[in-house]
Amino acid sequence: MNFSETIATLNSASAFELYRLRAAIDRVLDQPGWMDAVRARLSVGQPIQYFDPVANRSQQGQVLELRRKQAVVLDLATQKRWLISYAAINLDGADVEIREKPRQGLGRNEVAIGDMVGFMDRNHQQRSGRILRLNDKTVTLLCGKQQWRVAYALLHRVVDGSASSGDVLELDVLPDTAESADNE
């Protein structure tokens, strides 16, 4: 399923149409057949992957209890117990990333809590930080000891893992290989 096209279509829908669609999806997911099919493939103690919509990423967990409509899962990273819908469990290893093609920057569905991203501040200094929170129009980043709220359109991926200090990054422009050959 191409989620980027689906999201583009949904962005042109009215709020009422989106609400009706959500109600229809909820009705389909609440049908016993869907839950029974997932529950039949699970057992207590089984390691699983599940989708966390708040963090917008897949999480590792372990099934603690199977209930009628939901599973009790232990999040392996935080050691917290969660009651999650059977539909959130990724039994088939499906790709959970939604790749949007925004005009610039990163899209809301392309980042997750904990990701390292960078941006250019008001003083035209390159900064980088770890995502703490995903807001509707911005992300909250921890850059060093300081928190920043930055629009998604201003974000870019950080490739250098050592750039996580939150300080101003020093960027060097490498000479073009043809140009450096002419200078020798």
Protein backbone atom coordinates (compact mmCIF):
# COMPACT_ATOMS: atom_id res chain seq x y z
CA MET A 1 0.00 0.00 0.00
CA ASN A 2 1.39 3.41 -0.96
CA PHE A 3 0.88 5.48 2.19
CA SER A 4 2.31 8.65 0.62
CA GLU A 5 -0.45 8.68 -2.02
CA THR A 6 -3.06 7.84 0.61
CA ILE A 7 -1.92 10.73 2.82
CA ALA A 8 -1.94 13.10 -0.15
CA THR A 9 -5.55 12.08 -0.85
CA LEU A 10 -6.52 12.40 2.82
CA ASN A 11 -5.05 15.93 2.95
CA SER A 12 -7.66 17.02 0.42
CA ALA A 13 -10.58 15.51 2.40
CA SER A 14 -12.77 17.50 4.76
CA ALA A 15 -12.66 16.93 8.51
CA PHE A 16 -16.10 15.30 8.33
CA GLU A 17 -14.97 12.90 5.60
CA LEU A 18 -11.89 11.96 7.64
CA TYR A 19 -14.05 11.37 10.72
CA ARG A 20 -16.38 9.10 8.73
CA LEU A 21 -13.40 7.19 7.35
CA ARG A 22 -11.93 6.73 10.84
CA ALA A 23 -15.28 5.40 12.10
CA ALA A 24 -15.44 2.93 9.19
CA ILE A 25 -11.87 1.73 9.81
CA ASP A 26 -12.58 1.31 13.54
CA ARG A 27 -15.67 -0.79 12.74
CA VAL A 28 -13.66 -3.06 10.42
CA LEU A 29 -10.84 -3.48 12.94
CA ASP A 30 -13.33 -4.31 15.72
CA GLN A 31 -14.73 -7.25 13.76
CA PRO A 32 -13.88 -10.47 15.63
CA GLY A 33 -12.31 -12.09 12.57
CA TRP A 34 -9.40 -9.65 12.48
CA MET A 35 -8.65 -10.00 16.19
CA ASP A 36 -9.04 -13.79 16.15
CA ALA A 37 -6.62 -14.10 13.21
CA VAL A 38 -3.92 -12.13 15.06
CA ARG A 39 -4.59 -13.73 18.46
CA ALA A 40 -4.27 -17.22 16.89
CA ARG A 41 -0.69 -16.41 15.86
CA LEU A 42 0.34 -15.12 19.31
CA SER A 43 1.36 -16.82 22.52
CA VAL A 44 2.30 -15.55 25.97
CA GLY A 45 6.02 -14.79 26.13
CA GLN A 46 6.35 -14.31 22.37
CA PRO A 47 8.61 -11.45 21.24
CA ILE A 48 6.78 -9.06 18.89
CA GLN A 49 7.03 -5.76 17.07
CA TYR A 50 4.19 -3.28 17.46
CA PHE A 51 3.51 0.19 16.10
CA ASP A 52 3.49 3.06 18.61
CA PRO A 53 1.51 5.94 17.01
CA VAL A 54 2.77 8.49 19.59
CA ALA A 55 6.45 7.83 18.81
CA ASN A 56 5.61 7.07 15.15
CA ARG A 57 7.84 4.01 15.13
CA SER A 58 7.94 0.28 15.59
CA GLN A 59 8.75 -0.94 19.11
CA GLN A 60 10.01 -4.27 20.40
CA GLY A 61 7.82 -5.99 22.95
CA GLN A 62 6.87 -9.26 24.58
CA VAL A 63 3.34 -10.62 24.93
CA LEU A 64 2.36 -10.90 28.60
CA GLU A 65 -1.37 -11.64 28.31
CA LEU A 66 -3.92 -12.20 25.54
CA ARG A 67 -7.30 -10.59 26.21
CA ARG A 68 -10.46 -10.64 24.13
CA LYS A 69 -9.83 -7.38 22.19
CA GLN A 70 -6.29 -6.37 23.21
CA ALA A 71 -2.93 -7.76 24.28
CA VAL A 72 -0.90 -6.80 27.33
CA VAL A 73 2.63 -6.15 26.05
CA LEU A 74 5.88 -5.39 27.84
CA ASP A 75 7.85 -2.70 25.97
CA LEU A 76 11.40 -4.07 26.02
CA ALA A 77 13.06 -0.64 25.85
CA THR A 78 11.16 1.00 28.73
CA GLN A 79 10.02 -2.12 30.63
CA LYS A 80 6.51 -0.59 30.76
CA ARG A 81 3.35 -2.63 30.24
CA TRP A 82 0.91 -1.49 27.55
CA LEU A 83 -2.55 -2.62 26.57
CA ILE A 84 -2.48 -2.52 22.77
CA SER A 85 -4.88 -3.39 19.98
CA TYR A 86 -4.19 -6.61 18.11
CA ALA A 87 -4.16 -4.53 14.92
CA ALA A 88 -1.03 -2.68 16.19
CA ILE A 89 1.01 -5.91 16.26
CA ASN A 90 3.23 -6.32 13.21
CA LEU A 91 3.31 -10.10 12.75
CA ASP A 92 4.42 -10.03 9.12
CA GLY A 93 7.33 -7.57 9.51
CA ALA A 94 5.66 -4.92 7.35
CA ASP A 95 7.57 -1.69 6.70
CA VAL A 96 6.06 0.91 9.05
CA GLU A 97 7.73 3.99 7.60
CA ILE A 98 5.58 6.36 5.61
CA ARG A 99 7.75 8.21 3.16
CA GLU A 100 6.30 11.55 2.21
CA LYS A 101 7.84 13.72 -0.44
CA PRO A 102 7.62 17.21 1.08
CA ARG A 103 8.80 20.25 -0.87
CA GLN A 104 11.60 20.76 1.61
CA GLY A 105 12.68 19.46 4.99
CA LEU A 106 11.21 16.35 6.52
CA GLY A 107 7.57 15.32 6.78
CA ARG A 108 5.70 14.53 10.00
CA ASN A 109 5.66 10.84 9.16
CA GLU A 110 9.37 10.68 8.30
CA VAL A 111 10.69 11.33 11.80
CA ALA A 112 10.32 9.60 15.13
CA ILE A 113 11.06 10.35 18.76
CA GLY A 114 14.77 9.76 19.36
CA ASP A 115 15.90 10.52 15.79
CA MET A 116 18.88 12.84 15.26
CA VAL A 117 18.04 15.77 12.98
CA GLY A 118 19.57 19.11 12.13
CA PHE A 119 18.36 22.58 11.21
CA MET A 120 19.63 26.08 10.46
CA ASP A 121 18.85 28.50 13.32
CA ARG A 122 17.92 32.19 12.99
CA ASN A 123 21.59 33.17 13.07
CA HIS A 124 22.30 30.81 10.16
CA GLN A 125 24.16 28.40 12.42
CA GLN A 126 23.77 24.69 11.75
CA ARG A 127 22.42 22.90 14.86
CA SER A 128 21.53 19.30 15.56
CA GLY A 129 19.62 17.49 18.25
CA ARG A 130 17.54 14.52 19.27
CA ILE A 131 13.75 14.62 18.84
CA LEU A 132 11.94 14.66 22.19
CA ARG A 133 8.35 15.26 21.05
CA LEU A 134 6.37 15.33 17.80
CA ASN A 135 3.92 18.22 17.67
CA ASP A 136 1.38 18.99 14.93
CA LYS A 137 3.53 21.52 13.06
CA THR A 138 6.88 21.35 14.88
CA VAL A 139 9.22 18.97 16.69
CA THR A 140 10.78 19.58 20.08
CA LEU A 141 14.52 18.93 19.93
CA LEU A 142 17.16 18.66 22.62
CA CYS A 143 20.26 20.44 21.31
CA GLY A 144 22.93 20.17 23.97
CA LYS A 145 21.15 21.33 27.12
CA GLN A 146 18.67 23.55 25.28
CA GLN A 147 15.23 22.67 23.86
CA TRP A 148 14.16 24.03 20.47
CA ARG A 149 10.82 23.91 18.65
CA VAL A 150 11.49 23.62 14.93
CA ALA A 151 9.10 23.33 11.97
CA TYR A 152 9.30 20.05 10.02
CA ALA A 153 10.10 21.97 6.83
CA LEU A 154 13.37 23.22 8.38
CA LEU A 155 14.67 19.79 9.42
CA HIS A 156 17.19 17.57 7.68
CA ARG A 157 18.77 14.24 8.50
CA VAL A 158 22.03 14.21 10.45
CA VAL A 159 24.50 11.70 9.05
CA ASP A 160 27.41 12.26 11.46
CA GLY A 161 26.55 10.63 14.79
CA SER A 162 29.21 12.69 16.60
CA ALA A 163 27.22 15.83 15.79
CA SER A 164 24.88 15.21 18.70
CA SER A 165 26.40 17.72 21.10
CA GLY A 166 23.90 20.44 20.19
CA ASP A 167 26.69 22.91 19.60
CA VAL A 168 27.06 24.87 16.39
CA LEU A 169 28.43 22.56 13.72
CA GLU A 170 31.46 23.53 11.69
CA LEU A 171 30.95 22.48 8.09
CA ASP A 172 33.77 22.38 5.57
CA VAL A 173 33.16 22.41 1.84
CA LEU A 174 35.29 19.86 0.07
CA PRO A 175 36.80 20.96 -3.22
CA ASP A 176 35.42 19.45 -6.39
CA THR A 177 37.64 16.58 -7.56
CA ALA A 178 38.05 18.09 -11.04
CA GLU A 179 38.90 21.48 -9.56
CA SER A 180 41.46 20.03 -7.12
CA ALA A 181 43.11 18.09 -9.99
CA ASP A 182 43.51 21.37 -11.93
CA ASN A 183 45.22 23.01 -8.93
CA GLU A 184 47.90 20.30 -8.65
